[in-house]
N, C-alpha and C. Protein backbone atom coordinates (compact mmCIF):
# COMPACT_ATOMS: atom_id res chain seq x y z
N MET A 1 37.24 2.56 0.77
CA MET A 1 36.25 3.54 0.93
C MET A 1 35.71 3.72 -0.52
N ARG A 2 34.88 4.40 -0.82
CA ARG A 2 34.02 4.55 -2.04
C ARG A 2 34.68 6.29 -2.51
N VAL A 3 35.05 6.46 -3.85
CA VAL A 3 35.57 8.01 -4.10
C VAL A 3 34.60 8.27 -5.42
N LEU A 4 33.71 9.14 -5.06
CA LEU A 4 33.13 9.81 -6.34
C LEU A 4 33.78 11.37 -7.19
N VAL A 5 34.00 11.37 -8.36
CA VAL A 5 34.76 12.46 -9.10
C VAL A 5 33.66 13.28 -9.15
N VAL A 6 33.57 14.34 -9.08
CA VAL A 6 32.96 15.87 -9.43
C VAL A 6 33.60 17.00 -8.76
N THR A 7 33.46 17.97 -10.03
CA THR A 7 34.00 19.74 -9.16
C THR A 7 32.79 20.10 -8.76
N LEU A 8 33.06 20.54 -7.03
CA LEU A 8 32.27 21.05 -6.62
C LEU A 8 32.01 22.39 -6.79
N LEU A 9 30.69 22.92 -6.95
CA LEU A 9 30.10 24.10 -7.50
C LEU A 9 29.78 24.84 -5.73
N PRO A 10 30.02 25.87 -6.43
CA PRO A 10 29.74 27.21 -5.29
C PRO A 10 28.61 27.04 -4.47
N ALA A 11 28.32 26.70 -2.92
CA ALA A 11 27.11 27.01 -2.33
C ALA A 11 26.01 27.45 -3.01
N ILE A 12 26.60 28.76 -2.79
CA ILE A 12 25.55 29.75 -3.13
C ILE A 12 24.68 29.64 -3.96
N PHE A 13 25.37 29.54 -5.50
CA PHE A 13 25.06 29.21 -7.21
C PHE A 13 23.85 27.96 -6.51
N LEU A 14 24.10 26.42 -6.13
CA LEU A 14 23.34 25.74 -5.89
C LEU A 14 22.20 26.01 -5.23
N VAL A 15 22.33 26.65 -4.07
CA VAL A 15 20.77 27.54 -3.40
C VAL A 15 19.73 27.99 -4.54
N ALA A 16 20.61 28.69 -5.23
CA ALA A 16 20.04 29.71 -5.94
C ALA A 16 19.19 28.62 -7.18
N ALA A 17 19.93 27.80 -7.75
CA ALA A 17 19.69 27.10 -9.15
C ALA A 17 18.67 25.82 -8.67
N SER A 18 18.69 25.44 -7.66
CA SER A 18 18.10 24.60 -7.53
C SER A 18 16.88 24.82 -6.62
N ALA A 19 15.87 25.78 -6.43
CA ALA A 19 15.24 26.19 -5.87
C ALA A 19 13.83 26.16 -6.58
N GLN A 20 12.91 25.20 -5.95
CA GLN A 20 12.10 25.10 -6.85
C GLN A 20 10.96 26.18 -6.93
N VAL A 21 9.92 26.31 -7.32
CA VAL A 21 9.55 27.59 -8.09
C VAL A 21 8.03 27.54 -8.00
N PRO A 22 7.19 27.94 -6.68
CA PRO A 22 5.54 27.73 -6.59
C PRO A 22 5.10 28.84 -7.36
N PRO A 23 3.72 28.85 -7.90
CA PRO A 23 3.00 29.40 -8.50
C PRO A 23 3.11 30.86 -7.76
N ASP A 24 3.57 31.98 -8.84
CA ASP A 24 3.41 33.12 -8.81
C ASP A 24 1.97 34.02 -9.06
N GLY A 25 2.25 35.48 -8.83
CA GLY A 25 1.28 35.88 -9.21
C GLY A 25 0.68 35.89 -10.66
N SER A 26 1.78 35.82 -11.78
CA SER A 26 1.09 35.98 -13.04
C SER A 26 0.78 34.72 -13.54
N ASP A 27 1.10 33.55 -12.81
CA ASP A 27 0.88 32.19 -12.70
C ASP A 27 -0.83 31.91 -12.05
N ILE A 28 -0.98 32.70 -11.38
CA ILE A 28 -2.46 32.38 -10.93
C ILE A 28 -3.51 32.94 -11.32
N ALA A 29 -2.80 34.54 -12.21
CA ALA A 29 -4.16 34.97 -12.56
C ALA A 29 -4.12 34.75 -14.29
N ALA A 30 -3.21 33.28 -14.57
CA ALA A 30 -3.71 32.84 -15.71
C ALA A 30 -4.51 31.89 -15.73
N TYR A 31 -4.65 31.16 -14.25
CA TYR A 31 -5.26 29.72 -13.99
C TYR A 31 -6.67 29.62 -14.35
N ASP A 32 -7.52 28.62 -14.48
CA ASP A 32 -8.81 28.40 -14.57
C ASP A 32 -9.16 26.84 -14.35
N GLY A 33 -10.03 26.67 -14.61
CA GLY A 33 -10.39 25.57 -14.46
C GLY A 33 -10.05 24.24 -12.91
N LEU A 34 -9.48 23.29 -13.04
CA LEU A 34 -9.08 22.91 -11.84
C LEU A 34 -7.76 23.42 -11.30
N LEU A 35 -6.94 24.34 -11.85
CA LEU A 35 -5.66 24.72 -11.20
C LEU A 35 -6.67 26.09 -10.31
N ARG A 36 -7.45 26.83 -11.03
CA ARG A 36 -8.09 28.20 -10.05
C ARG A 36 -8.55 27.59 -9.11
N ALA A 37 -9.82 26.39 -9.45
CA ALA A 37 -10.08 25.68 -8.21
C ALA A 37 -9.19 25.57 -7.08
N VAL A 38 -8.36 24.78 -7.44
CA VAL A 38 -7.09 24.50 -6.20
C VAL A 38 -7.08 25.43 -5.22
N VAL A 39 -6.10 26.84 -6.21
CA VAL A 39 -5.66 27.52 -5.49
C VAL A 39 -6.68 28.43 -4.66
N GLU A 40 -8.08 28.63 -4.84
CA GLU A 40 -9.08 29.33 -4.37
C GLU A 40 -10.02 28.58 -3.31
N ARG A 41 -9.29 27.17 -3.23
CA ARG A 41 -10.03 26.07 -2.31
C ARG A 41 -11.21 26.15 -2.59
N ASP A 42 -11.73 26.17 -3.89
CA ASP A 42 -13.07 26.21 -4.25
C ASP A 42 -13.50 24.50 -4.45
N SER A 43 -14.05 23.80 -2.98
CA SER A 43 -14.45 22.62 -3.37
C SER A 43 -15.47 22.35 -4.52
N THR A 44 -16.74 22.75 -4.32
CA THR A 44 -17.56 22.91 -4.78
C THR A 44 -17.44 22.52 -6.77
N ALA A 45 -16.61 23.75 -6.85
CA ALA A 45 -15.70 23.93 -8.53
C ALA A 45 -15.07 22.66 -8.89
N LEU A 46 -14.36 22.11 -7.89
CA LEU A 46 -13.23 21.35 -7.90
C LEU A 46 -13.86 19.87 -8.13
N ASP A 47 -14.86 19.65 -7.15
CA ASP A 47 -15.74 18.34 -7.25
C ASP A 47 -16.55 18.06 -8.82
N ARG A 48 -17.35 19.27 -8.82
CA ARG A 48 -18.02 19.31 -10.42
C ARG A 48 -17.13 19.43 -11.86
N LEU A 49 -15.52 19.79 -11.75
CA LEU A 49 -14.93 19.84 -12.53
C LEU A 49 -14.32 18.15 -12.70
N LEU A 50 -14.18 17.19 -11.52
CA LEU A 50 -13.57 16.37 -11.27
C LEU A 50 -14.23 15.43 -12.17
N VAL A 51 -16.01 15.52 -11.84
CA VAL A 51 -16.83 14.57 -12.38
C VAL A 51 -17.03 14.65 -13.63
N GLY A 52 -16.92 15.97 -14.40
CA GLY A 52 -16.94 16.29 -15.71
C GLY A 52 -15.83 15.68 -16.30
N SER A 53 -15.39 16.48 -17.65
CA SER A 53 -14.19 16.25 -18.28
C SER A 53 -13.08 16.53 -17.85
N ALA A 54 -12.59 17.35 -16.61
CA ALA A 54 -11.59 18.02 -16.56
C ALA A 54 -10.14 17.42 -16.62
N ASP A 55 -9.27 17.78 -17.13
CA ASP A 55 -8.09 16.89 -17.36
C ASP A 55 -6.86 16.88 -15.54
N VAL A 56 -6.74 15.35 -15.22
CA VAL A 56 -6.29 16.01 -13.67
C VAL A 56 -4.71 16.29 -13.90
N GLU A 57 -4.16 16.10 -15.21
CA GLU A 57 -2.70 15.92 -15.55
C GLU A 57 -2.72 17.26 -16.12
N ARG A 58 -3.48 18.51 -16.34
CA ARG A 58 -3.18 19.50 -17.00
C ARG A 58 -1.75 20.25 -16.61
N ARG A 59 -1.41 20.88 -17.55
CA ARG A 59 0.22 21.33 -16.91
C ARG A 59 0.00 22.78 -17.10
N ASP A 60 0.47 23.43 -15.99
CA ASP A 60 0.80 24.96 -16.11
C ASP A 60 2.52 25.43 -17.03
N ARG A 61 2.44 26.66 -17.01
CA ARG A 61 3.70 26.68 -17.87
C ARG A 61 5.03 26.25 -17.34
N ARG A 62 4.85 25.96 -16.40
CA ARG A 62 6.24 25.21 -15.45
C ARG A 62 5.74 24.04 -15.59
N GLY A 63 5.09 23.47 -16.04
CA GLY A 63 4.78 21.82 -15.78
C GLY A 63 4.32 21.60 -14.99
N ARG A 64 3.36 22.24 -13.93
CA ARG A 64 2.93 22.37 -12.69
C ARG A 64 1.36 21.67 -12.99
N THR A 65 1.09 20.46 -12.53
CA THR A 65 -0.18 19.69 -12.53
C THR A 65 -0.82 20.25 -11.59
N PRO A 66 -2.38 20.18 -10.91
CA PRO A 66 -3.05 20.81 -10.60
C PRO A 66 -2.58 19.88 -8.95
N LEU A 67 -1.96 18.87 -9.09
CA LEU A 67 -1.51 18.18 -7.78
C LEU A 67 -0.60 18.98 -7.08
N HIS A 68 0.13 19.55 -8.23
CA HIS A 68 1.44 19.93 -7.51
C HIS A 68 0.84 21.42 -7.52
N VAL A 69 -0.21 21.73 -7.95
CA VAL A 69 -0.05 23.14 -7.30
C VAL A 69 -0.70 23.53 -5.72
N ALA A 70 -1.59 22.11 -5.69
CA ALA A 70 -2.21 21.83 -4.78
C ALA A 70 -1.12 21.56 -3.49
N ALA A 71 -0.08 20.90 -3.67
CA ALA A 71 0.97 20.77 -2.37
C ALA A 71 1.60 21.91 -2.01
N HIS A 72 1.64 22.65 -3.07
CA HIS A 72 2.37 24.06 -2.75
C HIS A 72 1.32 24.75 -2.07
N PHE A 73 0.45 24.88 -1.96
CA PHE A 73 -0.82 25.64 -1.09
C PHE A 73 -1.30 25.18 -0.16
N ALA A 74 -0.59 23.52 0.11
CA ALA A 74 -0.76 22.77 1.11
C ALA A 74 -2.35 22.68 1.34
N ASN A 75 -3.50 22.09 -0.11
CA ASN A 75 -4.63 21.98 -0.13
C ASN A 75 -4.89 20.61 0.01
N HIS A 76 -4.73 20.34 1.16
CA HIS A 76 -4.96 18.99 1.14
C HIS A 76 -6.42 17.78 1.08
N ASP A 77 -7.25 18.63 1.20
CA ASP A 77 -8.48 18.43 0.34
C ASP A 77 -8.77 18.11 -1.19
N ALA A 78 -7.89 18.80 -1.75
CA ALA A 78 -7.63 19.02 -3.13
C ALA A 78 -7.05 17.60 -3.91
N MET A 79 -5.39 18.09 -2.90
CA MET A 79 -4.60 16.66 -2.90
C MET A 79 -5.49 15.47 -3.30
N ARG A 80 -6.01 15.00 -2.10
CA ARG A 80 -7.03 14.18 -2.04
C ARG A 80 -7.41 13.52 -3.22
N ALA A 81 -8.66 14.64 -3.51
CA ALA A 81 -9.71 14.87 -4.45
C ALA A 81 -8.84 14.28 -5.72
N LEU A 82 -7.76 15.04 -5.98
CA LEU A 82 -7.17 14.87 -7.39
C LEU A 82 -6.58 13.23 -7.67
N VAL A 83 -5.81 12.80 -6.52
CA VAL A 83 -5.43 11.65 -6.79
C VAL A 83 -6.08 10.45 -6.53
N ALA A 84 -7.49 10.68 -5.97
CA ALA A 84 -8.97 9.80 -6.39
C ALA A 84 -9.48 9.81 -7.57
N ALA A 85 -9.19 11.13 -8.14
CA ALA A 85 -9.87 10.93 -9.76
C ALA A 85 -8.98 10.80 -10.66
N GLY A 86 -7.81 10.17 -10.04
CA GLY A 86 -6.63 9.70 -11.18
C GLY A 86 -5.59 10.20 -11.42
N ALA A 87 -5.19 11.39 -10.62
CA ALA A 87 -3.51 12.31 -10.84
C ALA A 87 -2.53 11.38 -10.64
N ASP A 88 -1.41 11.66 -11.07
CA ASP A 88 -0.46 10.54 -10.93
C ASP A 88 0.33 11.19 -9.64
N PRO A 89 0.51 10.52 -8.36
CA PRO A 89 1.05 11.38 -7.17
C PRO A 89 2.58 11.45 -7.35
N ASN A 90 3.40 11.20 -8.25
CA ASN A 90 4.56 10.74 -8.44
C ASN A 90 5.23 11.49 -10.09
N ALA A 91 4.04 12.59 -10.42
CA ALA A 91 4.25 13.42 -11.62
C ALA A 91 5.55 14.21 -10.88
N LEU A 92 6.20 14.76 -12.36
CA LEU A 92 7.14 15.63 -11.83
C LEU A 92 6.91 16.85 -12.84
N GLU A 93 7.03 17.84 -12.45
CA GLU A 93 7.05 19.20 -12.90
C GLU A 93 8.25 19.53 -13.69
N ASN A 94 8.55 20.57 -14.43
CA ASN A 94 9.65 21.07 -15.47
C ASN A 94 10.72 20.71 -14.85
N ASP A 95 11.18 21.17 -13.46
CA ASP A 95 12.35 20.93 -12.62
C ASP A 95 12.42 20.05 -11.89
N PHE A 96 11.34 18.81 -12.31
CA PHE A 96 11.74 17.56 -11.90
C PHE A 96 11.64 17.33 -10.34
N TYR A 97 10.39 18.59 -10.06
CA TYR A 97 9.90 17.94 -8.20
C TYR A 97 8.43 17.43 -8.61
N ASP A 98 8.24 16.52 -7.31
CA ASP A 98 7.42 15.74 -7.13
C ASP A 98 6.35 16.29 -5.80
N ILE A 99 5.44 16.00 -5.41
CA ILE A 99 5.22 16.55 -4.33
C ILE A 99 5.33 16.24 -2.77
N VAL A 100 6.19 15.13 -2.93
CA VAL A 100 6.80 14.88 -1.63
C VAL A 100 8.08 15.87 -1.63
N THR A 101 8.90 15.88 -2.63
CA THR A 101 10.09 17.26 -2.65
C THR A 101 9.66 18.36 -2.49
N ILE A 102 8.54 18.72 -3.15
CA ILE A 102 7.88 19.98 -2.78
C ILE A 102 7.19 20.25 -1.19
N ALA A 103 7.05 18.89 -0.71
CA ALA A 103 6.81 19.35 0.98
C ALA A 103 7.80 19.56 1.90
N ALA A 104 8.71 18.60 1.06
CA ALA A 104 10.36 18.30 1.71
C ALA A 104 10.89 19.83 1.88
N VAL A 105 10.85 20.62 0.87
CA VAL A 105 11.58 21.81 0.35
C VAL A 105 10.99 22.90 1.43
N ALA A 106 9.51 23.17 1.09
CA ALA A 106 8.54 23.69 2.31
C ALA A 106 8.57 23.57 3.71
N ASP A 107 9.04 22.41 4.09
CA ASP A 107 9.20 22.45 5.61
C ASP A 107 8.17 21.66 5.92
N ASP A 108 6.94 21.41 5.22
CA ASP A 108 5.74 21.09 5.68
C ASP A 108 5.30 19.62 5.87
N LEU A 109 5.30 19.23 7.26
CA LEU A 109 5.19 17.61 7.62
C LEU A 109 3.88 17.36 7.21
N ALA A 110 3.07 17.97 7.63
CA ALA A 110 1.87 17.72 7.33
C ALA A 110 1.42 17.23 5.67
N THR A 111 1.73 18.15 4.75
CA THR A 111 1.92 18.03 3.13
C THR A 111 2.62 16.93 2.68
N LEU A 112 3.58 16.43 3.22
CA LEU A 112 5.12 15.43 3.28
C LEU A 112 3.98 14.28 3.71
N LYS A 113 3.40 13.99 4.51
CA LYS A 113 2.70 12.94 4.94
C LYS A 113 1.65 12.68 3.82
N LEU A 114 0.88 13.59 3.78
CA LEU A 114 -0.26 13.45 3.05
C LEU A 114 0.51 12.73 1.77
N ALA A 115 1.36 13.33 1.10
CA ALA A 115 1.97 13.08 -0.36
C ALA A 115 2.45 11.57 -0.26
N LEU A 116 3.30 11.09 0.81
CA LEU A 116 3.47 10.14 1.38
C LEU A 116 2.45 8.77 1.26
N GLU A 117 1.24 9.03 1.81
CA GLU A 117 0.18 8.42 1.72
C GLU A 117 -0.72 8.12 0.14
N LEU A 118 -0.91 9.26 -0.10
CA LEU A 118 -1.58 9.59 -1.55
C LEU A 118 -0.40 8.15 -2.83
N GLY A 119 0.61 7.98 -2.05
CA GLY A 119 1.75 6.99 -3.16
C GLY A 119 2.46 7.93 -3.75
N CYS A 120 2.94 9.03 -3.40
CA CYS A 120 4.42 9.52 -4.05
C CYS A 120 5.57 8.86 -3.29
N LYS A 121 6.28 8.29 -4.12
CA LYS A 121 7.22 7.78 -4.00
C LYS A 121 8.70 8.73 -3.02
N PRO A 122 9.04 7.97 -1.60
CA PRO A 122 10.28 8.91 -1.03
C PRO A 122 11.59 8.01 -1.55
N THR A 123 11.63 7.34 -3.02
CA THR A 123 12.56 7.16 -3.53
C THR A 123 12.63 7.63 -4.96
N ASN A 124 11.91 8.46 -5.17
CA ASN A 124 12.20 9.42 -6.65
C ASN A 124 13.39 10.02 -6.94
N VAL A 125 13.56 10.06 -7.79
CA VAL A 125 15.04 11.18 -8.13
C VAL A 125 14.33 12.39 -8.84
N THR A 126 14.14 13.35 -7.75
CA THR A 126 13.93 14.62 -8.15
C THR A 126 15.08 15.75 -8.51
N SER A 127 14.70 16.94 -8.90
CA SER A 127 15.49 18.19 -9.12
C SER A 127 16.39 18.12 -10.19
N ARG A 128 16.88 19.37 -10.96
CA ARG A 128 17.87 19.13 -11.82
C ARG A 128 18.96 18.23 -11.45
N TYR A 129 19.13 18.58 -10.43
CA TYR A 129 20.71 17.78 -9.62
C TYR A 129 20.11 16.34 -9.46
N ASP A 130 19.29 15.50 -10.12
CA ASP A 130 19.33 14.40 -9.82
C ASP A 130 19.26 13.78 -8.49
N GLY A 131 19.08 14.40 -7.47
CA GLY A 131 18.63 14.34 -6.14
C GLY A 131 17.23 13.23 -5.95
N THR A 132 17.05 13.59 -4.44
CA THR A 132 16.04 13.56 -4.15
C THR A 132 15.42 14.14 -2.81
N ALA A 133 14.11 13.96 -2.17
CA ALA A 133 13.47 14.62 -1.10
C ALA A 133 14.31 14.49 -0.15
N LEU A 134 15.07 13.42 0.11
CA LEU A 134 16.09 13.84 1.67
C LEU A 134 17.07 14.51 1.68
N ILE A 135 17.46 14.88 -0.09
CA ILE A 135 19.04 15.25 0.07
C ILE A 135 18.55 16.99 -0.05
N ALA A 136 17.31 17.31 -0.68
CA ALA A 136 16.81 18.34 -0.52
C ALA A 136 16.52 18.90 1.13
N ALA A 137 15.90 17.61 1.78
CA ALA A 137 15.91 18.39 3.23
C ALA A 137 16.82 18.14 3.74
N ALA A 138 17.87 17.82 3.92
CA ALA A 138 19.01 17.31 4.66
C ALA A 138 19.61 18.71 4.13
N HIS A 139 20.02 19.13 3.09
CA HIS A 139 20.34 20.46 2.74
C HIS A 139 20.36 21.67 3.29
N LEU A 140 18.60 22.11 3.60
CA LEU A 140 18.05 22.82 4.20
C LEU A 140 18.08 22.75 5.59
N GLY A 141 18.08 21.59 6.18
CA GLY A 141 17.86 21.38 8.03
C GLY A 141 16.72 21.13 8.16
N HIS A 142 16.18 20.54 7.25
CA HIS A 142 14.72 20.34 8.04
C HIS A 142 14.43 19.14 8.53
N VAL A 143 15.03 19.21 10.32
CA VAL A 143 15.02 17.70 10.74
C VAL A 143 13.70 16.85 11.05
N GLU A 144 12.79 17.32 11.20
CA GLU A 144 11.61 16.38 11.22
C GLU A 144 11.09 15.84 9.36
N VAL A 145 11.28 16.52 9.03
CA VAL A 145 11.15 15.89 7.07
C VAL A 145 11.74 14.79 6.90
N VAL A 146 13.49 15.33 7.68
CA VAL A 146 14.29 14.32 7.42
C VAL A 146 14.00 13.53 7.96
N ALA A 147 13.72 13.12 9.23
CA ALA A 147 13.48 11.61 9.67
C ALA A 147 11.80 11.02 9.18
N THR A 148 11.22 11.58 8.98
CA THR A 148 9.92 11.25 7.85
C THR A 148 10.22 10.47 6.84
N LEU A 149 11.27 11.25 6.37
CA LEU A 149 11.60 10.27 5.01
C LEU A 149 12.31 9.48 5.20
N ILE A 150 13.35 9.14 6.11
CA ILE A 150 14.13 8.32 6.53
C ILE A 150 13.10 7.18 7.00
N ALA A 151 12.29 7.06 7.90
CA ALA A 151 11.40 5.93 7.99
C ALA A 151 10.60 5.65 7.09
N ALA A 152 10.34 6.53 6.08
CA ALA A 152 9.24 5.88 4.57
C ALA A 152 10.47 5.41 3.72
N GLY A 153 11.40 5.11 3.99
CA GLY A 153 12.38 4.18 3.28
C GLY A 153 13.57 5.10 2.14
N ALA A 154 13.28 6.48 2.37
CA ALA A 154 14.23 7.38 1.25
C ALA A 154 15.32 6.67 1.20
N PRO A 155 16.28 6.67 0.16
CA PRO A 155 17.56 6.41 0.14
C PRO A 155 18.48 6.70 0.59
N LEU A 156 19.49 6.29 1.47
CA LEU A 156 20.33 7.07 2.60
C LEU A 156 21.36 7.66 2.01
N ASP A 157 21.87 6.87 1.01
CA ASP A 157 23.18 7.14 0.45
C ASP A 157 23.41 7.21 -1.42
N HIS A 158 21.95 7.70 -2.00
CA HIS A 158 21.49 8.56 -2.92
C HIS A 158 22.63 9.23 -3.33
N VAL A 159 23.24 9.31 -4.68
CA VAL A 159 24.30 10.44 -4.87
C VAL A 159 23.83 11.19 -5.68
N ASN A 160 23.39 12.45 -5.67
CA ASN A 160 22.87 13.51 -6.99
C ASN A 160 24.03 13.89 -7.75
N ASN A 161 23.80 14.16 -8.89
CA ASN A 161 24.81 14.45 -10.08
C ASN A 161 25.52 15.54 -9.34
N LEU A 162 25.97 15.92 -8.53
CA LEU A 162 27.07 16.78 -7.98
C LEU A 162 27.69 15.75 -7.61
N ASN A 163 27.15 14.33 -6.96
CA ASN A 163 28.22 13.51 -6.25
C ASN A 163 28.25 13.56 -4.77
N TRP A 164 27.09 14.30 -4.57
CA TRP A 164 26.84 14.61 -2.62
C TRP A 164 25.57 13.90 -2.37
N THR A 165 25.85 13.33 -0.84
CA THR A 165 24.62 12.63 -0.42
C THR A 165 24.19 13.49 0.10
N ALA A 166 23.36 13.26 0.86
CA ALA A 166 22.32 13.93 2.10
C ALA A 166 23.20 14.25 3.40
N LEU A 167 24.02 13.28 3.71
CA LEU A 167 25.03 13.59 4.84
C LEU A 167 26.13 14.54 4.19
N ILE A 168 26.52 14.34 2.96
CA ILE A 168 27.31 15.59 2.69
C ILE A 168 26.84 16.78 2.60
N GLU A 169 25.36 17.12 1.65
CA GLU A 169 24.73 18.34 2.04
C GLU A 169 24.20 18.83 3.17
N SER A 170 24.45 17.98 4.03
CA SER A 170 23.96 18.44 5.46
C SER A 170 25.23 19.28 6.02
N ILE A 171 26.45 19.07 5.57
CA ILE A 171 27.84 19.77 5.96
C ILE A 171 28.11 20.64 4.87
N VAL A 172 28.17 20.52 3.71
CA VAL A 172 28.78 21.53 3.07
C VAL A 172 27.52 22.40 2.41
N LEU A 173 26.39 22.66 2.94
CA LEU A 173 25.16 23.32 2.45
C LEU A 173 24.41 23.86 3.98
N GLY A 174 25.03 23.23 4.75
CA GLY A 174 24.59 23.53 6.09
C GLY A 174 25.35 24.65 6.99
N ASP A 175 24.80 24.91 8.23
CA ASP A 175 25.64 25.90 8.95
C ASP A 175 26.41 25.87 10.05
N GLY A 176 26.24 24.26 10.12
CA GLY A 176 26.78 23.71 11.31
C GLY A 176 25.86 24.15 12.58
N GLY A 177 24.76 24.82 12.51
CA GLY A 177 24.00 25.07 13.53
C GLY A 177 23.11 23.61 14.11
N PRO A 178 22.09 23.86 14.43
CA PRO A 178 21.49 22.77 15.76
C PRO A 178 20.73 22.03 14.64
N ARG A 179 20.21 22.60 13.83
CA ARG A 179 19.16 21.89 13.14
C ARG A 179 19.81 20.75 11.76
N HIS A 180 21.08 21.48 11.33
CA HIS A 180 22.05 20.80 10.36
C HIS A 180 22.41 19.48 11.07
N THR A 181 22.84 19.79 12.57
CA THR A 181 23.74 19.01 13.03
C THR A 181 22.69 17.92 13.56
N ALA A 182 21.70 18.07 13.59
CA ALA A 182 20.41 17.25 14.08
C ALA A 182 19.91 16.52 12.69
N THR A 183 20.25 17.27 12.02
CA THR A 183 20.14 16.01 10.23
C THR A 183 21.18 15.44 10.35
N LEU A 184 22.28 15.83 10.18
CA LEU A 184 23.18 14.71 10.11
C LEU A 184 23.66 13.53 11.45
N ARG A 185 23.13 14.13 12.59
CA ARG A 185 22.80 13.03 13.78
C ARG A 185 21.85 11.80 13.25
N ALA A 186 21.01 12.33 12.75
CA ALA A 186 19.75 11.51 12.04
C ALA A 186 20.00 10.37 11.26
N LEU A 187 20.70 11.12 10.33
CA LEU A 187 21.31 9.95 9.41
C LEU A 187 22.59 9.32 9.45
N VAL A 188 23.03 9.72 10.45
CA VAL A 188 24.21 8.80 10.84
C VAL A 188 23.26 7.60 11.61
N ALA A 189 22.50 7.97 12.41
CA ALA A 189 21.84 6.79 13.15
C ALA A 189 21.17 5.87 12.49
N ALA A 190 20.36 6.23 11.65
CA ALA A 190 19.82 5.50 10.29
C ALA A 190 20.73 3.98 9.63
N GLY A 191 22.07 4.91 9.75
CA GLY A 191 23.11 3.98 8.85
C GLY A 191 23.47 4.60 7.51
N ALA A 192 23.53 5.71 7.51
CA ALA A 192 24.00 6.09 6.09
C ALA A 192 25.42 6.52 6.19
N ASP A 193 26.27 6.19 4.88
CA ASP A 193 27.57 5.54 4.38
C ASP A 193 28.63 6.96 5.06
N VAL A 194 29.15 7.14 6.40
CA VAL A 194 29.79 7.95 7.01
C VAL A 194 30.82 8.27 6.18
N ASP A 195 31.59 7.27 5.42
CA ASP A 195 32.93 7.19 4.88
C ASP A 195 32.80 7.74 3.25
N LEU A 196 31.41 7.49 2.73
CA LEU A 196 31.46 8.09 1.36
C LEU A 196 32.08 9.32 0.92
N ALA A 197 32.97 9.63 0.29
CA ALA A 197 33.69 11.06 0.02
C ALA A 197 33.23 11.62 -1.00
N ASP A 198 33.46 12.94 -1.40
CA ASP A 198 32.77 13.95 -2.13
C ASP A 198 34.15 13.88 -3.23
N GLY A 199 33.70 14.59 -4.43
CA GLY A 199 34.41 14.45 -5.79
C GLY A 199 36.01 15.26 -5.46
N ASP A 200 36.40 15.43 -4.19
CA ASP A 200 37.74 15.91 -4.43
C ASP A 200 38.48 14.62 -3.32
N GLY A 201 37.78 13.53 -2.88
CA GLY A 201 38.33 12.70 -2.29
C GLY A 201 37.72 13.02 -0.30
N ARG A 202 36.90 13.76 -0.59
CA ARG A 202 36.76 14.35 1.28
C ARG A 202 36.11 13.31 1.89
N THR A 203 36.07 12.63 2.79
CA THR A 203 35.50 12.30 3.58
C THR A 203 33.99 12.91 4.58
N PRO A 204 33.21 12.76 4.59
CA PRO A 204 32.04 13.59 5.93
C PRO A 204 32.96 14.44 6.65
N LEU A 205 33.85 13.10 7.43
CA LEU A 205 34.47 13.92 8.60
C LEU A 205 35.52 14.83 8.11
N ALA A 206 36.36 14.50 7.15
CA ALA A 206 37.15 15.79 6.77
C ALA A 206 36.38 16.92 6.33
N LEU A 207 35.13 16.85 6.01
CA LEU A 207 34.40 18.14 5.27
C LEU A 207 33.98 18.83 6.65
N ALA A 208 33.08 17.88 7.94
CA ALA A 208 33.46 19.07 8.88
C ALA A 208 33.93 19.68 9.59
N GLU A 209 35.23 18.84 9.82
CA GLU A 209 36.42 19.56 10.38
C GLU A 209 37.29 20.95 9.61
N ARG A 210 36.84 20.95 8.01
CA ARG A 210 37.36 22.02 7.58
C ARG A 210 36.66 23.13 7.47
N HIS A 211 34.99 22.73 7.53
CA HIS A 211 34.37 23.79 8.24
C HIS A 211 34.13 24.22 9.27
N GLY A 212 34.98 23.27 10.61
CA GLY A 212 34.73 23.72 12.15
C GLY A 212 33.80 23.35 12.34
N TYR A 213 33.07 22.55 12.00
CA TYR A 213 31.43 22.14 12.48
C TYR A 213 32.14 21.09 13.91
N THR A 214 32.22 21.51 15.03
CA THR A 214 32.89 20.15 15.63
C THR A 214 32.05 19.62 16.11
N GLU A 215 30.80 19.77 16.42
CA GLU A 215 29.89 18.57 17.12
C GLU A 215 29.37 17.96 15.60
N MET A 216 29.03 18.31 14.59
CA MET A 216 29.13 17.48 13.26
C MET A 216 30.25 16.17 13.39
N ALA A 217 31.76 16.59 13.34
CA ALA A 217 32.82 15.96 13.32
C ALA A 217 32.81 15.08 14.93
N ARG A 218 32.49 15.59 15.98
CA ARG A 218 32.48 14.47 16.62
C ARG A 218 31.31 13.56 16.92
N ILE A 219 30.00 13.69 16.11
CA ILE A 219 29.24 12.69 15.94
C ILE A 219 29.76 11.52 15.07
N LEU A 220 30.54 11.99 13.93
CA LEU A 220 30.56 11.08 12.70
C LEU A 220 31.73 10.09 13.29
N ARG A 221 33.10 10.89 14.38
CA ARG A 221 33.97 10.09 14.73
C ARG A 221 33.18 8.90 15.49
N ALA A 222 32.41 9.26 16.53
CA ALA A 222 31.42 8.33 17.01
C ALA A 222 31.10 7.07 16.30
N ALA A 223 30.95 7.66 15.22
CA ALA A 223 30.07 6.46 14.02
C ALA A 223 31.48 5.97 13.40
N GLY A 224 32.67 6.22 13.90
CA GLY A 224 33.52 5.08 13.07
C GLY A 224 34.14 6.22 11.72
N ALA A 225 33.88 6.86 11.29
CA ALA A 225 34.19 7.96 10.48
C ALA A 225 35.40 7.99 10.51
N ARG A 226 35.96 7.83 9.07
CA ARG A 226 37.38 8.11 8.85
C ARG A 226 37.91 9.17 8.59
């Protein structure tokens, strides 16, 4: 059994500190050019700007490109047009989110599938916790997103800088309810390591039992967890 070393942070801190930030009213008010065309869904302006000399990698105050903004607003036509014009589908904004992780956190399956189709990699290391889109989705219990990322080849046992995997986050940052339980079940069925322990040496099974998540514990035992 591999044991990873870190002191755990309170879950409430993680939820607050790791949340991505969509454009707010002040951001949008300052937008012009491609950024404004994306938010306003103005395809005519977008096409005109892309034919001209507009910078597809232009950044707003939080380092978001027009493609990041398009993902936040689920503007699929703009996402396609921007990537066709040369926008990097794997670009990270200031908080180290890519368009796959933006869609995963938003539980936006359609935008996630498009982001993958456009070339954003499910293996990207994202967020200030050096995580992945799969870890973020497991944390939030976004079952369909988790299944899509697994099918796309997301790394099942990636360890973030808190030394948590997607499987561990589905337990320690979940509520033990149907969505987080289904998330854990999907990860186990896909072959996630059920014995990879946290920084205090606690296995996923020990964590599930500690939280009183009986169905999660049952799934882990059935998979041979110790």
